[in-house]
Amino acid sequence: MKGSSDMAKGESFASRMMRRTGVLRHVFGPAAVGDLHEPVKAPTDEQRREHENQMSQFTVEKLPNGQVYLVAKDPTDGSNLR
């Protein structure tokens, strides 16, 4: 039993998980991390227009608990999930 032998060695759950994720890191590579000192890039006018065009297809609905979600203006296009 591998699990009982690990516990017998006194290795904690967190240590076992870190070892396993370390092995996965060799397969998938490290997480992508950006530079914290890099300036924030503002969207271009074209990106803004594209975003506004996409958002114009939806209306924003708010539930009494404060949750906000999007609903397609044209329900026949299949984008509504409800």
Protein backbone atom coordinates (compact mmCIF):
# COMPACT_ATOMS: atom_id res chain seq x y z
CA MET A 1 0.00 0.00 0.00
CA LYS A 2 1.67 3.13 -1.22
CA GLY A 3 -0.50 5.54 0.79
CA SER A 4 0.24 3.90 4.12
CA SER A 5 3.98 3.79 3.41
CA ASP A 6 3.95 7.53 2.64
CA MET A 7 2.21 8.26 5.91
CA ALA A 8 4.64 5.98 7.71
CA LYS A 9 7.48 8.11 6.42
CA GLY A 10 5.78 11.14 7.91
CA GLU A 11 5.35 12.92 4.57
CA SER A 12 2.45 15.36 4.68
CA PHE A 13 -0.33 15.55 2.11
CA ALA A 14 0.96 18.95 0.94
CA SER A 15 4.45 17.53 0.41
CA ARG A 16 3.09 14.62 -1.64
CA MET A 17 1.01 16.99 -3.79
CA MET A 18 3.94 19.34 -4.36
CA ARG A 19 6.10 16.40 -5.44
CA ARG A 20 3.40 15.20 -7.85
CA THR A 21 2.79 18.64 -9.33
CA GLY A 22 6.55 19.02 -9.71
CA VAL A 23 6.56 15.91 -11.88
CA LEU A 24 3.69 17.32 -13.96
CA ARG A 25 5.61 20.57 -14.36
CA HIS A 26 8.31 18.68 -16.24
CA VAL A 27 5.68 17.47 -18.71
CA PHE A 28 3.58 20.64 -19.12
CA GLY A 29 6.16 23.30 -18.32
CA PRO A 30 6.00 26.14 -15.79
CA ALA A 31 3.04 28.45 -15.40
CA ALA A 32 3.13 31.58 -17.54
CA VAL A 33 4.06 34.57 -15.41
CA GLY A 34 4.18 38.13 -16.67
CA ASP A 35 6.50 40.90 -15.60
CA LEU A 36 4.95 42.93 -12.78
CA HIS A 37 6.82 46.04 -13.87
CA GLU A 38 5.63 45.90 -17.48
CA PRO A 39 3.20 48.72 -18.31
CA VAL A 40 -0.44 47.83 -18.90
CA LYS A 41 -1.30 47.86 -22.60
CA ALA A 42 -4.37 49.87 -23.55
CA PRO A 43 -6.70 48.28 -26.12
CA THR A 44 -6.53 49.65 -29.64
CA ASP A 45 -9.49 51.39 -31.26
CA GLU A 46 -10.07 48.30 -33.39
CA GLN A 47 -10.16 46.06 -30.31
CA ARG A 48 -12.62 48.42 -28.61
CA ARG A 49 -14.92 48.44 -31.65
CA GLU A 50 -14.81 44.64 -31.87
CA HIS A 51 -15.65 44.31 -28.16
CA GLU A 52 -18.53 46.79 -28.44
CA ASN A 53 -19.84 44.91 -31.49
CA GLN A 54 -19.77 41.62 -29.60
CA MET A 55 -21.38 43.10 -26.48
CA SER A 56 -24.15 44.77 -28.50
CA GLN A 57 -25.57 41.28 -29.12
CA PHE A 58 -26.33 40.83 -25.40
CA THR A 59 -28.28 42.47 -22.62
CA VAL A 60 -27.10 42.49 -19.01
CA GLU A 61 -29.49 41.07 -16.42
CA LYS A 62 -29.00 41.32 -12.68
CA LEU A 63 -30.44 38.94 -10.10
CA PRO A 64 -31.70 40.18 -6.70
CA ASN A 65 -28.57 38.69 -5.06
CA GLY A 66 -26.37 40.95 -7.20
CA GLN A 67 -25.18 38.30 -9.67
CA VAL A 68 -24.88 39.67 -13.20
CA TYR A 69 -25.13 37.65 -16.40
CA LEU A 70 -25.54 38.16 -20.15
CA VAL A 71 -28.57 37.17 -22.21
CA ALA A 72 -28.54 37.12 -26.00
CA LYS A 73 -30.85 39.68 -27.60
CA ASP A 74 -31.68 37.12 -30.31
CA PRO A 75 -32.62 33.87 -28.51
CA THR A 76 -32.81 31.97 -31.83
CA ASP A 77 -29.03 32.15 -32.33
CA GLY A 78 -28.46 29.48 -29.67
CA SER A 79 -26.16 31.50 -27.44
CA ASN A 80 -28.53 31.49 -24.43
CA LEU A 81 -27.80 28.73 -21.98
CA ARG A 82 -31.06 28.87 -20.08
